[in-house]
Amino acid sequence: DAVLRDVAAQIVGTLRPTDVVCRYGGEEIIAILPDC
């Protein structure tokens, strides 16, 4: 769980505020990047 939280924070920190980051299921995460 701690790894998942840190990974989520790292992904959000890498992307733009306009990008949308979602937990898709389990350990899978999806990022939507508009105008990219």
PDB file of all heavy atoms in Angstrom:
ATOM      1  N   ASP A   1       0.830  -1.206   0.000  1.00  0.00           N
ATOM      2  CA  ASP A   1       0.000   0.000   0.000  1.00  0.00           C
ATOM      3  C   ASP A   1       0.866   1.259   0.000  1.00  0.00           C
ATOM      4  O   ASP A   1       0.560   2.240  -0.693  1.00  0.00           O
ATOM      5  CB  ASP A   1      -0.915   0.012   1.229  1.00  0.00           C
ATOM      6  CG  ASP A   1      -2.030  -1.024   1.140  1.00  0.00           C
ATOM      7  OD1 ASP A   1      -2.226  -1.595   0.051  1.00  0.00           O
ATOM      8  OD2 ASP A   1      -2.690  -1.266   2.168  1.00  0.00           O
ATOM      9  N   ALA A   2       1.941   1.237   0.787  1.00  0.00           N
ATOM     10  CA  ALA A   2       2.838   2.394   0.846  1.00  0.00           C
ATOM     11  C   ALA A   2       3.499   2.629  -0.512  1.00  0.00           C
ATOM     12  O   ALA A   2       3.655   3.773  -0.953  1.00  0.00           O
ATOM     13  CB  ALA A   2       3.893   2.187   1.924  1.00  0.00           C
ATOM     14  N   VAL A   3       3.878   1.550  -1.187  1.00  0.00           N
ATOM     15  CA  VAL A   3       4.478   1.662  -2.519  1.00  0.00           C
ATOM     16  C   VAL A   3       3.470   2.270  -3.492  1.00  0.00           C
ATOM     17  O   VAL A   3       3.813   3.177  -4.271  1.00  0.00           O
ATOM     18  CB  VAL A   3       4.951   0.285  -3.011  1.00  0.00           C
ATOM     19  CG1 VAL A   3       5.273   0.330  -4.513  1.00  0.00           C
ATOM     20  CG2 VAL A   3       6.184  -0.161  -2.237  1.00  0.00           C
ATOM     21  N   LEU A   4       2.236   1.807  -3.454  1.00  0.00           N
ATOM     22  CA  LEU A   4       1.215   2.349  -4.353  1.00  0.00           C
ATOM     23  C   LEU A   4       0.997   3.843  -4.130  1.00  0.00           C
ATOM     24  O   LEU A   4       0.868   4.613  -5.086  1.00  0.00           O
ATOM     25  CB  LEU A   4      -0.096   1.591  -4.154  1.00  0.00           C
ATOM     26  CG  LEU A   4      -0.278   0.288  -4.933  1.00  0.00           C
ATOM     27  CD1 LEU A   4      -1.562  -0.411  -4.511  1.00  0.00           C
ATOM     28  CD2 LEU A   4      -0.289   0.533  -6.436  1.00  0.00           C
ATOM     29  N   ARG A   5       0.977   4.257  -2.860  1.00  0.00           N
ATOM     30  CA  ARG A   5       0.789   5.686  -2.575  1.00  0.00           C
ATOM     31  C   ARG A   5       1.959   6.500  -3.100  1.00  0.00           C
ATOM     32  O   ARG A   5       1.764   7.576  -3.686  1.00  0.00           O
ATOM     33  CB  ARG A   5       0.614   5.900  -1.067  1.00  0.00           C
ATOM     34  CG  ARG A   5      -0.769   5.506  -0.538  1.00  0.00           C
ATOM     35  CD  ARG A   5      -0.970   5.994   0.886  1.00  0.00           C
ATOM     36  NE  ARG A   5      -0.100   5.291   1.816  1.00  0.00           N
ATOM     37  CZ  ARG A   5      -0.447   4.205   2.495  1.00  0.00           C
ATOM     38  NH1 ARG A   5      -1.661   3.699   2.339  1.00  0.00           N
ATOM     39  NH2 ARG A   5       0.388   3.632   3.341  1.00  0.00           N
ATOM     40  N   ASP A   6       3.175   6.014  -2.892  1.00  0.00           N
ATOM     41  CA  ASP A   6       4.347   6.750  -3.370  1.00  0.00           C
ATOM     42  C   ASP A   6       4.400   6.783  -4.890  1.00  0.00           C
ATOM     43  O   ASP A   6       4.755   7.808  -5.488  1.00  0.00           O
ATOM     44  CB  ASP A   6       5.628   6.120  -2.817  1.00  0.00           C
ATOM     45  CG  ASP A   6       5.907   6.534  -1.380  1.00  0.00           C
ATOM     46  OD1 ASP A   6       5.207   7.442  -0.883  1.00  0.00           O
ATOM     47  OD2 ASP A   6       6.807   5.954  -0.752  1.00  0.00           O
ATOM     48  N   VAL A   7       4.071   5.667  -5.524  1.00  0.00           N
ATOM     49  CA  VAL A   7       4.062   5.628  -6.985  1.00  0.00           C
ATOM     50  C   VAL A   7       3.034   6.616  -7.531  1.00  0.00           C
ATOM     51  O   VAL A   7       3.308   7.360  -8.478  1.00  0.00           O
ATOM     52  CB  VAL A   7       3.766   4.197  -7.474  1.00  0.00           C
ATOM     53  CG1 VAL A   7       3.390   4.202  -8.959  1.00  0.00           C
ATOM     54  CG2 VAL A   7       4.976   3.298  -7.254  1.00  0.00           C
ATOM     55  N   ALA A   8       1.854   6.639  -6.939  1.00  0.00           N
ATOM     56  CA  ALA A   8       0.820   7.583  -7.373  1.00  0.00           C
ATOM     57  C   ALA A   8       1.316   9.018  -7.255  1.00  0.00           C
ATOM     58  O   ALA A   8       1.109   9.836  -8.167  1.00  0.00           O
ATOM     59  CB  ALA A   8      -0.447   7.384  -6.543  1.00  0.00           C
ATOM     60  N   ALA A   9       1.980   9.337  -6.155  1.00  0.00           N
ATOM     61  CA  ALA A   9       2.498  10.694  -5.958  1.00  0.00           C
ATOM     62  C   ALA A   9       3.555  11.029  -6.998  1.00  0.00           C
ATOM     63  O   ALA A   9       3.608  12.163  -7.511  1.00  0.00           O
ATOM     64  CB  ALA A   9       3.074  10.828  -4.552  1.00  0.00           C
ATOM     65  N   GLN A  10       4.410  10.072  -7.334  1.00  0.00           N
ATOM     66  CA  GLN A  10       5.449  10.305  -8.330  1.00  0.00           C
ATOM     67  C   GLN A  10       4.843  10.551  -9.714  1.00  0.00           C
ATOM     68  O   GLN A  10       5.312  11.407 -10.466  1.00  0.00           O
ATOM     69  CB  GLN A  10       6.401   9.108  -8.384  1.00  0.00           C
ATOM     70  CG  GLN A  10       7.253   8.915  -7.146  1.00  0.00           C
ATOM     71  CD  GLN A  10       8.184  10.089  -6.875  1.00  0.00           C
ATOM     72  OE1 GLN A  10       8.669  10.749  -7.796  1.00  0.00           O
ATOM     73  NE2 GLN A  10       8.424  10.371  -5.608  1.00  0.00           N
ATOM     74  N   ILE A  11       3.806   9.803 -10.057  1.00  0.00           N
ATOM     75  CA  ILE A  11       3.167   9.979 -11.358  1.00  0.00           C
ATOM     76  C   ILE A  11       2.507  11.350 -11.449  1.00  0.00           C
ATOM     77  O   ILE A  11       2.684  12.079 -12.432  1.00  0.00           O
ATOM     78  CB  ILE A  11       2.138   8.855 -11.598  1.00  0.00           C
ATOM     79  CG1 ILE A  11       2.850   7.501 -11.707  1.00  0.00           C
ATOM     80  CG2 ILE A  11       1.332   9.129 -12.873  1.00  0.00           C
ATOM     81  CD1 ILE A  11       1.916   6.320 -11.730  1.00  0.00           C
ATOM     82  N   VAL A  12       1.746  11.709 -10.419  1.00  0.00           N
ATOM     83  CA  VAL A  12       1.084  13.017 -10.415  1.00  0.00           C
ATOM     84  C   VAL A  12       2.118  14.136 -10.487  1.00  0.00           C
ATOM     85  O   VAL A  12       1.933  15.137 -11.185  1.00  0.00           O
ATOM     86  CB  VAL A  12       0.197  13.162  -9.166  1.00  0.00           C
ATOM     87  CG1 VAL A  12      -0.326  14.590  -9.028  1.00  0.00           C
ATOM     88  CG2 VAL A  12      -0.968  12.181  -9.224  1.00  0.00           C
ATOM     89  N   GLY A  13       3.229  13.965  -9.768  1.00  0.00           N
ATOM     90  CA  GLY A  13       4.277  14.978  -9.774  1.00  0.00           C
ATOM     91  C   GLY A  13       4.979  15.125 -11.106  1.00  0.00           C
ATOM     92  O   GLY A  13       5.571  16.167 -11.389  1.00  0.00           O
ATOM     93  N   THR A  14       4.921  14.107 -11.944  1.00  0.00           N
ATOM     94  CA  THR A  14       5.572  14.151 -13.251  1.00  0.00           C
ATOM     95  C   THR A  14       4.712  14.850 -14.292  1.00  0.00           C
ATOM     96  O   THR A  14       5.237  15.480 -15.214  1.00  0.00           O
ATOM     97  CB  THR A  14       5.889  12.719 -13.740  1.00  0.00           C
ATOM     98  OG1 THR A  14       6.654  12.041 -12.751  1.00  0.00           O
ATOM     99  CG2 THR A  14       6.678  12.733 -15.038  1.00  0.00           C
ATOM    100  N   LEU A  15       3.420  14.757 -14.150  1.00  0.00           N
ATOM    101  CA  LEU A  15       2.504  15.225 -15.181  1.00  0.00           C
ATOM    102  C   LEU A  15       1.992  16.633 -14.908  1.00  0.00           C
ATOM    103  O   LEU A  15       2.247  17.218 -13.864  1.00  0.00           O
ATOM    104  CB  LEU A  15       1.332  14.245 -15.289  1.00  0.00           C
ATOM    105  CG  LEU A  15       1.723  12.817 -15.678  1.00  0.00           C
ATOM    106  CD1 LEU A  15       0.497  11.900 -15.672  1.00  0.00           C
ATOM    107  CD2 LEU A  15       2.401  12.785 -17.044  1.00  0.00           C
ATOM    108  N   ARG A  16       1.257  17.152 -15.880  1.00  0.00           N
ATOM    109  CA  ARG A  16       0.709  18.502 -15.783  1.00  0.00           C
ATOM    110  C   ARG A  16      -0.566  18.520 -14.931  1.00  0.00           C
ATOM    111  O   ARG A  16      -1.226  17.494 -14.797  1.00  0.00           O
ATOM    112  CB  ARG A  16       0.364  19.022 -17.185  1.00  0.00           C
ATOM    113  CG  ARG A  16       1.506  18.997 -18.194  1.00  0.00           C
ATOM    114  CD  ARG A  16       0.980  19.213 -19.603  1.00  0.00           C
ATOM    115  NE  ARG A  16       0.056  18.143 -20.004  1.00  0.00           N
ATOM    116  CZ  ARG A  16      -0.580  18.092 -21.178  1.00  0.00           C
ATOM    117  NH1 ARG A  16      -0.399  19.057 -22.066  1.00  0.00           N
ATOM    118  NH2 ARG A  16      -1.399  17.084 -21.450  1.00  0.00           N
ATOM    119  N   PRO A  17      -0.928  19.682 -14.399  1.00  0.00           N
ATOM    120  CA  PRO A  17      -2.186  19.765 -13.640  1.00  0.00           C
ATOM    121  C   PRO A  17      -3.409  19.410 -14.479  1.00  0.00           C
ATOM    122  O   PRO A  17      -4.424  18.969 -13.937  1.00  0.00           O
ATOM    123  CB  PRO A  17      -2.230  21.225 -13.183  1.00  0.00           C
ATOM    124  CG  PRO A  17      -0.806  21.667 -13.174  1.00  0.00           C
ATOM    125  CD  PRO A  17      -0.145  20.934 -14.304  1.00  0.00           C
ATOM    126  N   THR A  18      -3.327  19.614 -15.793  1.00  0.00           N
ATOM    127  CA  THR A  18      -4.461  19.312 -16.665  1.00  0.00           C
ATOM    128  C   THR A  18      -4.564  17.831 -17.005  1.00  0.00           C
ATOM    129  O   THR A  18      -5.590  17.388 -17.533  1.00  0.00           O
ATOM    130  CB  THR A  18      -4.355  20.109 -17.971  1.00  0.00           C
ATOM    131  OG1 THR A  18      -3.053  19.890 -18.563  1.00  0.00           O
ATOM    132  CG2 THR A  18      -4.525  21.600 -17.712  1.00  0.00           C
ATOM    133  N   ASP A  19      -3.525  17.053 -16.728  1.00  0.00           N
ATOM    134  CA  ASP A  19      -3.575  15.616 -16.983  1.00  0.00           C
ATOM    135  C   ASP A  19      -4.390  14.923 -15.894  1.00  0.00           C
ATOM    136  O   ASP A  19      -4.450  15.401 -14.755  1.00  0.00           O
ATOM    137  CB  ASP A  19      -2.160  15.028 -17.045  1.00  0.00           C
ATOM    138  CG  ASP A  19      -1.330  15.626 -18.170  1.00  0.00           C
ATOM    139  OD1 ASP A  19      -1.921  15.988 -19.210  1.00  0.00           O
ATOM    140  OD2 ASP A  19      -0.101  15.743 -18.022  1.00  0.00           O
ATOM    141  N   VAL A  20      -4.994  13.813 -16.234  1.00  0.00           N
ATOM    142  CA  VAL A  20      -5.875  13.092 -15.306  1.00  0.00           C
ATOM    143  C   VAL A  20      -5.261  11.726 -15.018  1.00  0.00           C
ATOM    144  O   VAL A  20      -5.031  10.940 -15.933  1.00  0.00           O
ATOM    145  CB  VAL A  20      -7.286  12.922 -15.902  1.00  0.00           C
ATOM    146  CG1 VAL A  20      -8.191  12.187 -14.919  1.00  0.00           C
ATOM    147  CG2 VAL A  20      -7.884  14.280 -16.260  1.00  0.00           C
ATOM    148  N   VAL A  21      -4.994  11.455 -13.736  1.00  0.00           N
ATOM    149  CA  VAL A  21      -4.377  10.190 -13.332  1.00  0.00           C
ATOM    150  C   VAL A  21      -5.388   9.399 -12.508  1.00  0.00           C
ATOM    151  O   VAL A  21      -5.949   9.915 -11.544  1.00  0.00           O
ATOM    152  CB  VAL A  21      -3.094  10.433 -12.511  1.00  0.00           C
ATOM    153  CG1 VAL A  21      -2.389   9.109 -12.227  1.00  0.00           C
ATOM    154  CG2 VAL A  21      -2.152  11.376 -13.260  1.00  0.00           C
ATOM    155  N   CYS A  22      -5.611   8.144 -12.891  1.00  0.00           N
ATOM    156  CA  CYS A  22      -6.629   7.317 -12.250  1.00  0.00           C
ATOM    157  C   CYS A  22      -6.048   5.951 -11.890  1.00  0.00           C
ATOM    158  O   CYS A  22      -5.183   5.420 -12.592  1.00  0.00           O
ATOM    159  CB  CYS A  22      -7.824   7.103 -13.181  1.00  0.00           C
ATOM    160  SG  CYS A  22      -8.469   8.610 -13.932  1.00  0.00           S
ATOM    161  N   ARG A  23      -6.553   5.403 -10.811  1.00  0.00           N
ATOM    162  CA  ARG A  23      -6.236   4.013 -10.488  1.00  0.00           C
ATOM    163  C   ARG A  23      -7.189   3.133 -11.276  1.00  0.00           C
ATOM    164  O   ARG A  23      -8.391   3.116 -11.038  1.00  0.00           O
ATOM    165  CB  ARG A  23      -6.374   3.757  -8.987  1.00  0.00           C
ATOM    166  CG  ARG A  23      -5.856   2.374  -8.592  1.00  0.00           C
ATOM    167  CD  ARG A  23      -5.949   2.136  -7.104  1.00  0.00           C
ATOM    168  NE  ARG A  23      -5.412   0.831  -6.737  1.00  0.00           N
ATOM    169  CZ  ARG A  23      -5.491   0.305  -5.512  1.00  0.00           C
ATOM    170  NH1 ARG A  23      -6.058   1.013  -4.542  1.00  0.00           N
ATOM    171  NH2 ARG A  23      -4.994  -0.886  -5.263  1.00  0.00           N
ATOM    172  N   TYR A  24      -6.637   2.387 -12.226  1.00  0.00           N
ATOM    173  CA  TYR A  24      -7.445   1.597 -13.144  1.00  0.00           C
ATOM    174  C   TYR A  24      -7.926   0.316 -12.491  1.00  0.00           C
ATOM    175  O   TYR A  24      -8.985  -0.207 -12.806  1.00  0.00           O
ATOM    176  CB  TYR A  24      -6.619   1.297 -14.393  1.00  0.00           C
ATOM    177  CG  TYR A  24      -7.421   0.845 -15.587  1.00  0.00           C
ATOM    178  CD1 TYR A  24      -8.408   1.653 -16.134  1.00  0.00           C
ATOM    179  CD2 TYR A  24      -7.171  -0.387 -16.182  1.00  0.00           C
ATOM    180  CE1 TYR A  24      -9.139   1.253 -17.238  1.00  0.00           C
ATOM    181  CE2 TYR A  24      -7.897  -0.801 -17.291  1.00  0.00           C
ATOM    182  CZ  TYR A  24      -8.872   0.019 -17.811  1.00  0.00           C
ATOM    183  OH  TYR A  24      -9.591  -0.397 -18.908  1.00  0.00           O
ATOM    184  N   GLY A  25      -7.124  -0.193 -11.567  1.00  0.00           N
ATOM    185  CA  GLY A  25      -7.478  -1.421 -10.868  1.00  0.00           C
ATOM    186  C   GLY A  25      -6.225  -2.096 -10.353  1.00  0.00           C
ATOM    187  O   GLY A  25      -5.222  -2.197 -11.057  1.00  0.00           O
ATOM    188  N   GLY A  26      -6.249  -2.556  -9.088  1.00  0.00           N
ATOM    189  CA  GLY A  26      -5.073  -3.217  -8.523  1.00  0.00           C
ATOM    190  C   GLY A  26      -3.866  -2.307  -8.550  1.00  0.00           C
ATOM    191  O   GLY A  26      -3.893  -1.178  -8.045  1.00  0.00           O
ATOM    192  N   GLU A  27      -2.774  -2.794  -9.167  1.00  0.00           N
ATOM    193  CA  GLU A  27      -1.544  -2.012  -9.273  1.00  0.00           C
ATOM    194  C   GLU A  27      -1.417  -1.320 -10.624  1.00  0.00           C
ATOM    195  O   GLU A  27      -0.337  -0.874 -11.004  1.00  0.00           O
ATOM    196  CB  GLU A  27      -0.326  -2.909  -9.039  1.00  0.00           C
ATOM    197  CG  GLU A  27      -0.094  -3.980 -10.087  1.00  0.00           C
ATOM    198  CD  GLU A  27      -0.840  -5.271  -9.817  1.00  0.00           C
ATOM    199  OE1 GLU A  27      -1.826  -5.257  -9.057  1.00  0.00           O
ATOM    200  OE2 GLU A  27      -0.432  -6.299 -10.372  1.00  0.00           O
ATOM    201  N   GLU A  28      -2.531  -1.210 -11.361  1.00  0.00           N
ATOM    202  CA  GLU A  28      -2.516  -0.592 -12.685  1.00  0.00           C
ATOM    203  C   GLU A  28      -3.087   0.818 -12.608  1.00  0.00           C
ATOM    204  O   GLU A  28      -4.143   1.052 -12.019  1.00  0.00           O
ATOM    205  CB  GLU A  28      -3.317  -1.437 -13.672  1.00  0.00           C
ATOM    206  CG  GLU A  28      -3.029  -1.105 -15.119  1.00  0.00           C
ATOM    207  CD  GLU A  28      -3.598  -2.149 -16.071  1.00  0.00           C
ATOM    208  OE1 GLU A  28      -4.581  -2.822 -15.698  1.00  0.00           O
ATOM    209  OE2 GLU A  28      -3.056  -2.288 -17.173  1.00  0.00           O
ATOM    210  N   ILE A  29      -2.368   1.758 -13.215  1.00  0.00           N
ATOM    211  CA  ILE A  29      -2.740   3.175 -13.194  1.00  0.00           C
ATOM    212  C   ILE A  29      -2.781   3.674 -14.633  1.00  0.00           C
ATOM    213  O   ILE A  29      -1.973   3.261 -15.471  1.00  0.00           O
ATOM    214  CB  ILE A  29      -1.729   3.986 -12.358  1.00  0.00           C
ATOM    215  CG1 ILE A  29      -1.805   3.564 -10.885  1.00  0.00           C
ATOM    216  CG2 ILE A  29      -1.983   5.487 -12.488  1.00  0.00           C
ATOM    217  CD1 ILE A  29      -0.704   4.149 -10.014  1.00  0.00           C
ATOM    218  N   ILE A  30      -3.725   4.543 -14.913  1.00  0.00           N
ATOM    219  CA  ILE A  30      -3.834   5.116 -16.253  1.00  0.00           C
ATOM    220  C   ILE A  30      -3.763   6.635 -16.168  1.00  0.00           C
ATOM    221  O   ILE A  30      -4.323   7.243 -15.256  1.00  0.00           O
ATOM    222  CB  ILE A  30      -5.149   4.664 -16.931  1.00  0.00           C
ATOM    223  CG1 ILE A  30      -5.229   5.185 -18.355  1.00  0.00           C
ATOM    224  CG2 ILE A  30      -6.364   5.093 -16.135  1.00  0.00           C
ATOM    225  CD1 ILE A  30      -6.381   4.561 -19.148  1.00  0.00           C
ATOM    226  N   ALA A  31      -3.032   7.219 -17.101  1.00  0.00           N
ATOM    227  CA  ALA A  31      -2.921   8.680 -17.174  1.00  0.00           C
ATOM    228  C   ALA A  31      -3.476   9.138 -18.515  1.00  0.00           C
ATOM    229  O   ALA A  31      -3.117   8.593 -19.561  1.00  0.00           O
ATOM    230  CB  ALA A  31      -1.472   9.123 -17.024  1.00  0.00           C
ATOM    231  N   ILE A  32      -4.360  10.128 -18.481  1.00  0.00           N
ATOM    232  CA  ILE A  32      -4.938  10.708 -19.689  1.00  0.00           C
ATOM    233  C   ILE A  32      -4.304  12.075 -19.890  1.00  0.00           C
ATOM    234  O   ILE A  32      -4.353  12.927 -18.991  1.00  0.00           O
ATOM    235  CB  ILE A  32      -6.460  10.838 -19.573  1.00  0.00           C
ATOM    236  CG1 ILE A  32      -7.086   9.487 -19.210  1.00  0.00           C
ATOM    237  CG2 ILE A  32      -7.063  11.370 -20.866  1.00  0.00           C
ATOM    238  CD1 ILE A  32      -8.559   9.588 -18.857  1.00  0.00           C
ATOM    239  N   LEU A  33      -3.717  12.287 -21.053  1.00  0.00           N
ATOM    240  CA  LEU A  33      -2.996  13.528 -21.339  1.00  0.00           C
ATOM    241  C   LEU A  33      -3.678  14.258 -22.490  1.00  0.00           C
ATOM    242  O   LEU A  33      -3.456  13.930 -23.672  1.00  0.00           O
ATOM    243  CB  LEU A  33      -1.541  13.234 -21.707  1.00  0.00           C
ATOM    244  CG  LEU A  33      -0.570  12.839 -20.593  1.00  0.00           C
ATOM    245  CD1 LEU A  33      -0.956  11.537 -19.912  1.00  0.00           C
ATOM    246  CD2 LEU A  33       0.854  12.729 -21.144  1.00  0.00           C
ATOM    247  N   PRO A  34      -4.538  15.241 -22.203  1.00  0.00           N
ATOM    248  CA  PRO A  34      -5.173  15.998 -23.288  1.00  0.00           C
ATOM    249  C   PRO A  34      -4.169  16.910 -23.971  1.00  0.00           C
ATOM    250  O   PRO A  34      -3.175  17.341 -23.369  1.00  0.00           O
ATOM    251  CB  PRO A  34      -6.254  16.801 -22.562  1.00  0.00           C
ATOM    252  CG  PRO A  34      -5.760  16.919 -21.154  1.00  0.00           C
ATOM    253  CD  PRO A  34      -4.981  15.676 -20.873  1.00  0.00           C
ATOM    254  N   ASP A  35      -4.425  17.181 -25.249  1.00  0.00           N
ATOM    255  CA  ASP A  35      -3.553  18.069 -26.042  1.00  0.00           C
ATOM    256  C   ASP A  35      -2.105  17.606 -25.969  1.00  0.00           C
ATOM    257  O   ASP A  35      -1.182  18.416 -25.800  1.00  0.00           O
ATOM    258  CB  ASP A  35      -3.665  19.521 -25.565  1.00  0.00           C
ATOM    259  CG  ASP A  35      -5.075  20.065 -25.702  1.00  0.00           C
ATOM    260  OD1 ASP A  35      -5.769  19.675 -26.661  1.00  0.00           O
ATOM    261  OD2 ASP A  35      -5.494  20.856 -24.847  1.00  0.00           O
ATOM    262  N   CYS A  36      -1.888  16.311 -26.097  1.00  0.00           N
ATOM    263  CA  CYS A  36      -0.535  15.747 -25.994  1.00  0.00           C
ATOM    264  C   CYS A  36      -0.321  14.752 -27.124  1.00  0.00           C
ATOM    265  O   CYS A  36      -1.060  13.771 -27.251  1.00  0.00           O
ATOM    266  CB  CYS A  36      -0.353  15.060 -24.640  1.00  0.00           C
ATOM    267  SG  CYS A  36       1.323  14.432 -24.369  1.00  0.00           S
TER     268      CYS A  36
END
